[in-house]
Amino acid sequence: PLGVFSFTILSNAVLAGLVYPLVLAVRNLPRAELTPAM
């Protein structure tokens, strides 16, 4: 509704960035190291 496309791009980018920690955690799980760094 706001109609500001640059803000839409930025909010999409934030959502994409939030997915990345989950991807890292899944990739690190086979190493069986439970640490915040994963």
PDB file of all heavy atoms in Angstrom:
ATOM      1  N   PRO A   1       0.811  -1.229   0.000  1.00  0.00           N
ATOM      2  CA  PRO A   1       0.000   0.000   0.000  1.00  0.00           C
ATOM      3  C   PRO A   1       0.839   1.271   0.000  1.00  0.00           C
ATOM      4  O   PRO A   1       0.431   2.278  -0.588  1.00  0.00           O
ATOM      5  CB  PRO A   1      -0.820  -0.123   1.292  1.00  0.00           C
ATOM      6  CG  PRO A   1      -0.876  -1.579   1.578  1.00  0.00           C
ATOM      7  CD  PRO A   1       0.429  -2.142   1.098  1.00  0.00           C
ATOM      8  N   LEU A   2       2.009   1.236   0.641  1.00  0.00           N
ATOM      9  CA  LEU A   2       2.842   2.429   0.687  1.00  0.00           C
ATOM     10  C   LEU A   2       3.279   2.853  -0.711  1.00  0.00           C
ATOM     11  O   LEU A   2       3.379   4.046  -1.000  1.00  0.00           O
ATOM     12  CB  LEU A   2       4.069   2.185   1.576  1.00  0.00           C
ATOM     13  CG  LEU A   2       5.038   3.351   1.768  1.00  0.00           C
ATOM     14  CD1 LEU A   2       4.341   4.530   2.432  1.00  0.00           C
ATOM     15  CD2 LEU A   2       6.253   2.911   2.583  1.00  0.00           C
ATOM     16  N   GLY A   3       3.533   1.874  -1.575  1.00  0.00           N
ATOM     17  CA  GLY A   3       3.847   2.177  -2.958  1.00  0.00           C
ATOM     18  C   GLY A   3       5.250   2.680  -3.212  1.00  0.00           C
ATOM     19  O   GLY A   3       5.545   3.160  -4.310  1.00  0.00           O
ATOM     20  N   VAL A   4       6.140   2.581  -2.236  1.00  0.00           N
ATOM     21  CA  VAL A   4       7.533   3.008  -2.408  1.00  0.00           C
ATOM     22  C   VAL A   4       8.351   1.769  -2.766  1.00  0.00           C
ATOM     23  O   VAL A   4       8.623   0.923  -1.913  1.00  0.00           O
ATOM     24  CB  VAL A   4       8.074   3.683  -1.136  1.00  0.00           C
ATOM     25  CG1 VAL A   4       9.524   4.110  -1.335  1.00  0.00           C
ATOM     26  CG2 VAL A   4       7.210   4.877  -0.761  1.00  0.00           C
ATOM     27  N   PHE A   5       8.744   1.673  -4.027  1.00  0.00           N
ATOM     28  CA  PHE A   5       9.352   0.434  -4.503  1.00  0.00           C
ATOM     29  C   PHE A   5      10.724   0.183  -3.880  1.00  0.00           C
ATOM     30  O   PHE A   5      11.087  -0.963  -3.622  1.00  0.00           O
ATOM     31  CB  PHE A   5       9.472   0.475  -6.029  1.00  0.00           C
ATOM     32  CG  PHE A   5       9.715  -0.872  -6.641  1.00  0.00           C
ATOM     33  CD1 PHE A   5       8.793  -1.901  -6.506  1.00  0.00           C
ATOM     34  CD2 PHE A   5      10.873  -1.127  -7.370  1.00  0.00           C
ATOM     35  CE1 PHE A   5       9.017  -3.147  -7.072  1.00  0.00           C
ATOM     36  CE2 PHE A   5      11.106  -2.361  -7.940  1.00  0.00           C
ATOM     37  CZ  PHE A   5      10.177  -3.380  -7.791  1.00  0.00           C
ATOM     38  N   SER A   6      11.492   1.233  -3.633  1.00  0.00           N
ATOM     39  CA  SER A   6      12.805   1.038  -3.016  1.00  0.00           C
ATOM     40  C   SER A   6      12.658   0.431  -1.618  1.00  0.00           C
ATOM     41  O   SER A   6      13.498  -0.375  -1.189  1.00  0.00           O
ATOM     42  CB  SER A   6      13.571   2.359  -2.933  1.00  0.00           C
ATOM     43  OG  SER A   6      12.843   3.327  -2.195  1.00  0.00           O
ATOM     44  N   PHE A   7      11.596   0.791  -0.909  1.00  0.00           N
ATOM     45  CA  PHE A   7      11.358   0.215   0.415  1.00  0.00           C
ATOM     46  C   PHE A   7      10.971  -1.257   0.291  1.00  0.00           C
ATOM     47  O   PHE A   7      11.363  -2.085   1.125  1.00  0.00           O
ATOM     48  CB  PHE A   7      10.262   0.985   1.142  1.00  0.00           C
ATOM     49  CG  PHE A   7      10.162   0.655   2.609  1.00  0.00           C
ATOM     50  CD1 PHE A   7      11.046   1.208   3.514  1.00  0.00           C
ATOM     51  CD2 PHE A   7       9.204  -0.228   3.071  1.00  0.00           C
ATOM     52  CE1 PHE A   7      10.978   0.895   4.860  1.00  0.00           C
ATOM     53  CE2 PHE A   7       9.124  -0.552   4.420  1.00  0.00           C
ATOM     54  CZ  PHE A   7      10.017   0.015   5.320  1.00  0.00           C
ATOM     55  N   THR A   8      10.213  -1.606  -0.752  1.00  0.00           N
ATOM     56  CA  THR A   8       9.879  -3.006  -1.012  1.00  0.00           C
ATOM     57  C   THR A   8      11.135  -3.824  -1.270  1.00  0.00           C
ATOM     58  O   THR A   8      11.303  -4.928  -0.751  1.00  0.00           O
ATOM     59  CB  THR A   8       8.921  -3.110  -2.216  1.00  0.00           C
ATOM     60  OG1 THR A   8       7.619  -2.692  -1.814  1.00  0.00           O
ATOM     61  CG2 THR A   8       8.823  -4.541  -2.740  1.00  0.00           C
ATOM     62  N   ILE A   9      12.048  -3.278  -2.077  1.00  0.00           N
ATOM     63  CA  ILE A   9      13.306  -3.980  -2.354  1.00  0.00           C
ATOM     64  C   ILE A   9      14.085  -4.202  -1.062  1.00  0.00           C
ATOM     65  O   ILE A   9      14.627  -5.292  -0.819  1.00  0.00           O
ATOM     66  CB  ILE A   9      14.155  -3.178  -3.358  1.00  0.00           C
ATOM     67  CG1 ILE A   9      13.436  -3.064  -4.705  1.00  0.00           C
ATOM     68  CG2 ILE A   9      15.523  -3.835  -3.552  1.00  0.00           C
ATOM     69  CD1 ILE A   9      14.092  -2.090  -5.668  1.00  0.00           C
ATOM     70  N   LEU A  10      14.136  -3.170  -0.233  1.00  0.00           N
ATOM     71  CA  LEU A  10      14.886  -3.264   1.016  1.00  0.00           C
ATOM     72  C   LEU A  10      14.265  -4.278   1.967  1.00  0.00           C
ATOM     73  O   LEU A  10      14.981  -5.073   2.591  1.00  0.00           O
ATOM     74  CB  LEU A  10      14.958  -1.893   1.675  1.00  0.00           C
ATOM     75  CG  LEU A  10      15.845  -1.759   2.917  1.00  0.00           C
ATOM     76  CD1 LEU A  10      17.269  -2.186   2.612  1.00  0.00           C
ATOM     77  CD2 LEU A  10      15.829  -0.321   3.436  1.00  0.00           C
ATOM     78  N   SER A  11      12.936  -4.291   2.087  1.00  0.00           N
ATOM     79  CA  SER A  11      12.282  -5.258   2.975  1.00  0.00           C
ATOM     80  C   SER A  11      12.453  -6.675   2.451  1.00  0.00           C
ATOM     81  O   SER A  11      12.657  -7.628   3.216  1.00  0.00           O
ATOM     82  CB  SER A  11      10.798  -4.924   3.154  1.00  0.00           C
ATOM     83  OG  SER A  11      10.082  -5.062   1.940  1.00  0.00           O
ATOM     84  N   ASN A  12      12.405  -6.844   1.124  1.00  0.00           N
ATOM     85  CA  ASN A  12      12.680  -8.162   0.534  1.00  0.00           C
ATOM     86  C   ASN A  12      14.102  -8.612   0.845  1.00  0.00           C
ATOM     87  O   ASN A  12      14.354  -9.788   1.131  1.00  0.00           O
ATOM     88  CB  ASN A  12      12.489  -8.113  -0.980  1.00  0.00           C
ATOM     89  CG  ASN A  12      11.040  -8.100  -1.406  1.00  0.00           C
ATOM     90  OD1 ASN A  12      10.134  -8.184  -0.574  1.00  0.00           O
ATOM     91  ND2 ASN A  12      10.796  -7.974  -2.701  1.00  0.00           N
ATOM     92  N   ALA A  13      15.045  -7.664   0.780  1.00  0.00           N
ATOM     93  CA  ALA A  13      16.444  -7.994   1.049  1.00  0.00           C
ATOM     94  C   ALA A  13      16.636  -8.446   2.495  1.00  0.00           C
ATOM     95  O   ALA A  13      17.395  -9.377   2.779  1.00  0.00           O
ATOM     96  CB  ALA A  13      17.334  -6.783   0.752  1.00  0.00           C
ATOM     97  N   VAL A  14      15.933  -7.781   3.413  1.00  0.00           N
ATOM     98  CA  VAL A  14      16.027  -8.166   4.825  1.00  0.00           C
ATOM     99  C   VAL A  14      15.489  -9.587   5.017  1.00  0.00           C
ATOM    100  O   VAL A  14      16.085 -10.396   5.743  1.00  0.00           O
ATOM    101  CB  VAL A  14      15.263  -7.165   5.705  1.00  0.00           C
ATOM    102  CG1 VAL A  14      15.161  -7.674   7.140  1.00  0.00           C
ATOM    103  CG2 VAL A  14      15.946  -5.802   5.680  1.00  0.00           C
ATOM    104  N   LEU A  15      14.366  -9.908   4.369  1.00  0.00           N
ATOM    105  CA  LEU A  15      13.818 -11.259   4.469  1.00  0.00           C
ATOM    106  C   LEU A  15      14.789 -12.286   3.891  1.00  0.00           C
ATOM    107  O   LEU A  15      14.980 -13.371   4.460  1.00  0.00           O
ATOM    108  CB  LEU A  15      12.478 -11.346   3.735  1.00  0.00           C
ATOM    109  CG  LEU A  15      11.301 -10.606   4.388  1.00  0.00           C
ATOM    110  CD1 LEU A  15      10.057 -10.750   3.524  1.00  0.00           C
ATOM    111  CD2 LEU A  15      11.032 -11.135   5.799  1.00  0.00           C
ATOM    112  N   ALA A  16      15.408 -11.959   2.759  1.00  0.00           N
ATOM    113  CA  ALA A  16      16.392 -12.868   2.167  1.00  0.00           C
ATOM    114  C   ALA A  16      17.574 -13.065   3.109  1.00  0.00           C
ATOM    115  O   ALA A  16      18.105 -14.177   3.243  1.00  0.00           O
ATOM    116  CB  ALA A  16      16.872 -12.323   0.826  1.00  0.00           C
ATOM    117  N   GLY A  17      17.985 -11.991   3.778  1.00  0.00           N
ATOM    118  CA  GLY A  17      19.083 -12.104   4.730  1.00  0.00           C
ATOM    119  C   GLY A  17      18.740 -12.944   5.940  1.00  0.00           C
ATOM    120  O   GLY A  17      19.609 -13.618   6.511  1.00  0.00           O
ATOM    121  N   LEU A  18      17.455 -12.945   6.341  1.00  0.00           N
ATOM    122  CA  LEU A  18      17.039 -13.742   7.500  1.00  0.00           C
ATOM    123  C   LEU A  18      17.033 -15.238   7.189  1.00  0.00           C
ATOM    124  O   LEU A  18      17.174 -16.071   8.091  1.00  0.00           O
ATOM    125  CB  LEU A  18      15.640 -13.309   7.947  1.00  0.00           C
ATOM    126  CG  LEU A  18      15.534 -11.911   8.558  1.00  0.00           C
ATOM    127  CD1 LEU A  18      14.078 -11.581   8.866  1.00  0.00           C
ATOM    128  CD2 LEU A  18      16.376 -11.802   9.825  1.00  0.00           C
ATOM    129  N   VAL A  19      16.860 -15.582   5.928  1.00  0.00           N
ATOM    130  CA  VAL A  19      16.857 -16.991   5.540  1.00  0.00           C
ATOM    131  C   VAL A  19      18.259 -17.586   5.627  1.00  0.00           C
ATOM    132  O   VAL A  19      18.434 -18.770   5.926  1.00  0.00           O
ATOM    133  CB  VAL A  19      16.284 -17.152   4.119  1.00  0.00           C
ATOM    134  CG1 VAL A  19      16.472 -18.579   3.595  1.00  0.00           C
ATOM    135  CG2 VAL A  19      14.809 -16.780   4.095  1.00  0.00           C
ATOM    136  N   TYR A  20      19.269 -16.753   5.397  1.00  0.00           N
ATOM    137  CA  TYR A  20      20.631 -17.257   5.296  1.00  0.00           C
ATOM    138  C   TYR A  20      21.129 -17.977   6.554  1.00  0.00           C
ATOM    139  O   TYR A  20      21.781 -19.028   6.447  1.00  0.00           O
ATOM    140  CB  TYR A  20      21.581 -16.115   4.924  1.00  0.00           C
ATOM    141  CG  TYR A  20      22.921 -16.594   4.454  1.00  0.00           C
ATOM    142  CD1 TYR A  20      23.038 -17.368   3.303  1.00  0.00           C
ATOM    143  CD2 TYR A  20      24.077 -16.303   5.169  1.00  0.00           C
ATOM    144  CE1 TYR A  20      24.265 -17.830   2.874  1.00  0.00           C
ATOM    145  CE2 TYR A  20      25.305 -16.749   4.745  1.00  0.00           C
ATOM    146  CZ  TYR A  20      25.396 -17.508   3.589  1.00  0.00           C
ATOM    147  OH  TYR A  20      26.611 -17.974   3.174  1.00  0.00           O
ATOM    148  N   PRO A  21      20.853 -17.471   7.777  1.00  0.00           N
ATOM    149  CA  PRO A  21      21.289 -18.218   8.969  1.00  0.00           C
ATOM    150  C   PRO A  21      20.707 -19.630   9.041  1.00  0.00           C
ATOM    151  O   PRO A  21      21.385 -20.553   9.510  1.00  0.00           O
ATOM    152  CB  PRO A  21      20.790 -17.352  10.132  1.00  0.00           C
ATOM    153  CG  PRO A  21      20.713 -15.981   9.565  1.00  0.00           C
ATOM    154  CD  PRO A  21      20.286 -16.155   8.142  1.00  0.00           C
ATOM    155  N   LEU A  22      19.479 -19.805   8.568  1.00  0.00           N
ATOM    156  CA  LEU A  22      18.882 -21.147   8.570  1.00  0.00           C
ATOM    157  C   LEU A  22      19.600 -22.057   7.584  1.00  0.00           C
ATOM    158  O   LEU A  22      19.830 -23.237   7.864  1.00  0.00           O
ATOM    159  CB  LEU A  22      17.391 -21.049   8.224  1.00  0.00           C
ATOM    160  CG  LEU A  22      16.536 -20.228   9.197  1.00  0.00           C
ATOM    161  CD1 LEU A  22      15.087 -20.181   8.723  1.00  0.00           C
ATOM    162  CD2 LEU A  22      16.611 -20.813  10.606  1.00  0.00           C
ATOM    163  N   VAL A  23      19.966 -21.493   6.426  1.00  0.00           N
ATOM    164  CA  VAL A  23      20.718 -22.282   5.445  1.00  0.00           C
ATOM    165  C   VAL A  23      22.057 -22.707   6.019  1.00  0.00           C
ATOM    166  O   VAL A  23      22.490 -23.856   5.863  1.00  0.00           O
ATOM    167  CB  VAL A  23      20.908 -21.469   4.153  1.00  0.00           C
ATOM    168  CG1 VAL A  23      21.811 -22.210   3.165  1.00  0.00           C
ATOM    169  CG2 VAL A  23      19.559 -21.175   3.499  1.00  0.00           C
ATOM    170  N   LEU A  24      22.720 -21.777   6.705  1.00  0.00           N
ATOM    171  CA  LEU A  24      24.008 -22.107   7.329  1.00  0.00           C
ATOM    172  C   LEU A  24      23.856 -23.206   8.372  1.00  0.00           C
ATOM    173  O   LEU A  24      24.670 -24.133   8.443  1.00  0.00           O
ATOM    174  CB  LEU A  24      24.611 -20.860   7.974  1.00  0.00           C
ATOM    175  CG  LEU A  24      25.296 -19.858   7.063  1.00  0.00           C
ATOM    176  CD1 LEU A  24      25.695 -18.624   7.866  1.00  0.00           C
ATOM    177  CD2 LEU A  24      26.513 -20.462   6.394  1.00  0.00           C
ATOM    178  N   ALA A  25      22.830 -23.101   9.201  1.00  0.00           N
ATOM    179  CA  ALA A  25      22.623 -24.089  10.256  1.00  0.00           C
ATOM    180  C   ALA A  25      22.406 -25.480   9.663  1.00  0.00           C
ATOM    181  O   ALA A  25      22.959 -26.470  10.161  1.00  0.00           O
ATOM    182  CB  ALA A  25      21.434 -23.691  11.121  1.00  0.00           C
ATOM    183  N   VAL A  26      21.620 -25.569   8.602  1.00  0.00           N
ATOM    184  CA  VAL A  26      21.370 -26.862   7.956  1.00  0.00           C
ATOM    185  C   VAL A  26      22.666 -27.430   7.382  1.00  0.00           C
ATOM    186  O   VAL A  26      22.944 -28.626   7.497  1.00  0.00           O
ATOM    187  CB  VAL A  26      20.296 -26.711   6.861  1.00  0.00           C
ATOM    188  CG1 VAL A  26      20.197 -27.984   6.026  1.00  0.00           C
ATOM    189  CG2 VAL A  26      18.951 -26.389   7.478  1.00  0.00           C
ATOM    190  N   ARG A  27      23.470 -26.568   6.778  1.00  0.00           N
ATOM    191  CA  ARG A  27      24.737 -27.031   6.209  1.00  0.00           C
ATOM    192  C   ARG A  27      25.716 -27.482   7.289  1.00  0.00           C
ATOM    193  O   ARG A  27      26.520 -28.398   7.078  1.00  0.00           O
ATOM    194  CB  ARG A  27      25.383 -25.914   5.387  1.00  0.00           C
ATOM    195  CG  ARG A  27      24.663 -25.605   4.088  1.00  0.00           C
ATOM    196  CD  ARG A  27      25.425 -24.565   3.291  1.00  0.00           C
ATOM    197  NE  ARG A  27      26.780 -25.002   2.985  1.00  0.00           N
ATOM    198  CZ  ARG A  27      27.679 -24.249   2.370  1.00  0.00           C
ATOM    199  NH1 ARG A  27      27.376 -23.001   2.039  1.00  0.00           N
ATOM    200  NH2 ARG A  27      28.887 -24.703   2.108  1.00  0.00           N
ATOM    201  N   ASN A  28      25.647 -26.844   8.459  1.00  0.00           N
ATOM    202  CA  ASN A  28      26.591 -27.166   9.533  1.00  0.00           C
ATOM    203  C   ASN A  28      26.145 -28.344  10.393  1.00  0.00           C
ATOM    204  O   ASN A  28      26.955 -28.899  11.148  1.00  0.00           O
ATOM    205  CB  ASN A  28      26.797 -25.944  10.432  1.00  0.00           C
ATOM    206  CG  ASN A  28      27.611 -24.848   9.757  1.00  0.00           C
ATOM    207  OD1 ASN A  28      28.534 -25.139   8.994  1.00  0.00           O
ATOM    208  ND2 ASN A  28      27.278 -23.600  10.029  1.00  0.00           N
ATOM    209  N   LEU A  29      24.877 -28.736  10.304  1.00  0.00           N
ATOM    210  CA  LEU A  29      24.376 -29.837  11.135  1.00  0.00           C
ATOM    211  C   LEU A  29      25.153 -31.141  10.958  1.00  0.00           C
ATOM    212  O   LEU A  29      25.430 -31.830  11.953  1.00  0.00           O
ATOM    213  CB  LEU A  29      22.889 -30.068  10.857  1.00  0.00           C
ATOM    214  CG  LEU A  29      21.909 -29.210  11.660  1.00  0.00           C
ATOM    215  CD1 LEU A  29      20.477 -29.498  11.222  1.00  0.00           C
ATOM    216  CD2 LEU A  29      22.072 -29.448  13.164  1.00  0.00           C
ATOM    217  N   PRO A  30      25.518 -31.554   9.735  1.00  0.00           N
ATOM    218  CA  PRO A  30      26.260 -32.812   9.598  1.00  0.00           C
ATOM    219  C   PRO A  30      27.582 -32.852  10.350  1.00  0.00           C
ATOM    220  O   PRO A  30      28.113 -33.932  10.613  1.00  0.00           O
ATOM    221  CB  PRO A  30      26.488 -32.917   8.080  1.00  0.00           C
ATOM    222  CG  PRO A  30      25.377 -32.125   7.481  1.00  0.00           C
ATOM    223  CD  PRO A  30      25.155 -30.989   8.435  1.00  0.00           C
ATOM    224  N   ARG A  31      28.120 -31.685  10.700  1.00  0.00           N
ATOM    225  CA  ARG A  31      29.374 -31.653  11.454  1.00  0.00           C
ATOM    226  C   ARG A  31      29.161 -31.962  12.930  1.00  0.00           C
ATOM    227  O   ARG A  31      30.119 -32.129  13.677  1.00  0.00           O
ATOM    228  CB  ARG A  31      30.027 -30.276  11.317  1.00  0.00           C
ATOM    229  CG  ARG A  31      30.401 -29.926   9.880  1.00  0.00           C
ATOM    230  CD  ARG A  31      31.158 -28.606   9.830  1.00  0.00           C
ATOM    231  NE  ARG A  31      31.609 -28.321   8.479  1.00  0.00           N
ATOM    232  CZ  ARG A  31      30.931 -27.580   7.614  1.00  0.00           C
ATOM    233  NH1 ARG A  31      29.769 -27.054   7.975  1.00  0.00           N
ATOM    234  NH2 ARG A  31      31.402 -27.362   6.406  1.00  0.00           N
ATOM    235  N   ALA A  32      27.890 -32.014  13.348  1.00  0.00           N
ATOM    236  CA  ALA A  32      27.520 -32.381  14.720  1.00  0.00           C
ATOM    237  C   ALA A  32      28.162 -31.466  15.754  1.00  0.00           C
ATOM    238  O   ALA A  32      28.514 -31.887  16.845  1.00  0.00           O
ATOM    239  CB  ALA A  32      27.900 -33.838  15.006  1.00  0.00           C
ATOM    240  N   GLU A  33      28.332 -30.189  15.379  1.00  0.00           N
ATOM    241  CA  GLU A  33      28.868 -29.206  16.318  1.00  0.00           C
ATOM    242  C   GLU A  33      27.761 -28.214  16.646  1.00  0.00           C
ATOM    243  O   GLU A  33      27.408 -27.380  15.826  1.00  0.00           O
ATOM    244  CB  GLU A  33      30.067 -28.478  15.715  1.00  0.00           C
ATOM    245  CG  GLU A  33      31.268 -29.384  15.485  1.00  0.00           C
ATOM    246  CD  GLU A  33      32.476 -28.575  15.024  1.00  0.00           C
ATOM    247  OE1 GLU A  33      32.909 -27.684  15.783  1.00  0.00           O
ATOM    248  OE2 GLU A  33      32.977 -28.838  13.933  1.00  0.00           O
ATOM    249  N   LEU A  34      27.195 -28.327  17.843  1.00  0.00           N
ATOM    250  CA  LEU A  34      26.123 -27.430  18.257  1.00  0.00           C
ATOM    251  C   LEU A  34      26.733 -26.212  18.929  1.00  0.00           C
ATOM    252  O   LEU A  34      27.193 -26.273  20.071  1.00  0.00           O
ATOM    253  CB  LEU A  34      25.159 -28.152  19.195  1.00  0.00           C
ATOM    254  CG  LEU A  34      24.469 -29.385  18.610  1.00  0.00           C
ATOM    255  CD1 LEU A  34      23.544 -30.024  19.636  1.00  0.00           C
ATOM    256  CD2 LEU A  34      23.698 -29.022  17.345  1.00  0.00           C
ATOM    257  N   THR A  35      26.766 -25.117  18.198  1.00  0.00           N
ATOM    258  CA  THR A  35      27.381 -23.886  18.676  1.00  0.00           C
ATOM    259  C   THR A  35      26.628 -22.719  18.072  1.00  0.00           C
ATOM    260  O   THR A  35      26.066 -22.834  16.970  1.00  0.00           O
ATOM    261  CB  THR A  35      28.875 -23.819  18.263  1.00  0.00           C
ATOM    262  OG1 THR A  35      29.358 -22.488  18.469  1.00  0.00           O
ATOM    263  CG2 THR A  35      29.060 -24.188  16.807  1.00  0.00           C
ATOM    264  N   PRO A  36      26.585 -21.575  18.763  1.00  0.00           N
ATOM    265  CA  PRO A  36      25.929 -20.407  18.166  1.00  0.00           C
ATOM    266  C   PRO A  36      26.527 -20.020  16.822  1.00  0.00           C
ATOM    267  O   PRO A  36      25.843 -19.434  15.980  1.00  0.00           O
ATOM    268  CB  PRO A  36      26.158 -19.313  19.210  1.00  0.00           C
ATOM    269  CG  PRO A  36      26.364 -20.042  20.499  1.00  0.00           C
ATOM    270  CD  PRO A  36      27.048 -21.317  20.130  1.00  0.00           C
ATOM    271  N   ALA A  37      27.797 -20.364  16.612  1.00  0.00           N
ATOM    272  CA  ALA A  37      28.463 -19.996  15.365  1.00  0.00           C
ATOM    273  C   ALA A  37      27.855 -20.694  14.160  1.00  0.00           C
ATOM    274  O   ALA A  37      27.993 -20.218  13.032  1.00  0.00           O
ATOM    275  CB  ALA A  37      29.953 -20.319  15.456  1.00  0.00           C
ATOM    276  N   MET A  38      27.163 -21.825  14.368  1.00  0.00           N
ATOM    277  CA  MET A  38      26.623 -22.577  13.242  1.00  0.00           C
ATOM    278  C   MET A  38      25.521 -21.817  12.512  1.00  0.00           C
ATOM    279  O   MET A  38      25.210 -22.125  11.361  1.00  0.00           O
ATOM    280  CB  MET A  38      26.088 -23.932  13.715  1.00  0.00           C
ATOM    281  CG  MET A  38      24.851 -23.853  14.595  1.00  0.00           C
ATOM    282  SD  MET A  38      24.367 -25.477  15.252  1.00  0.00           S
ATOM    283  CE  MET A  38      23.943 -26.348  13.744  1.00  0.00           C
TER     284      MET A  38
END
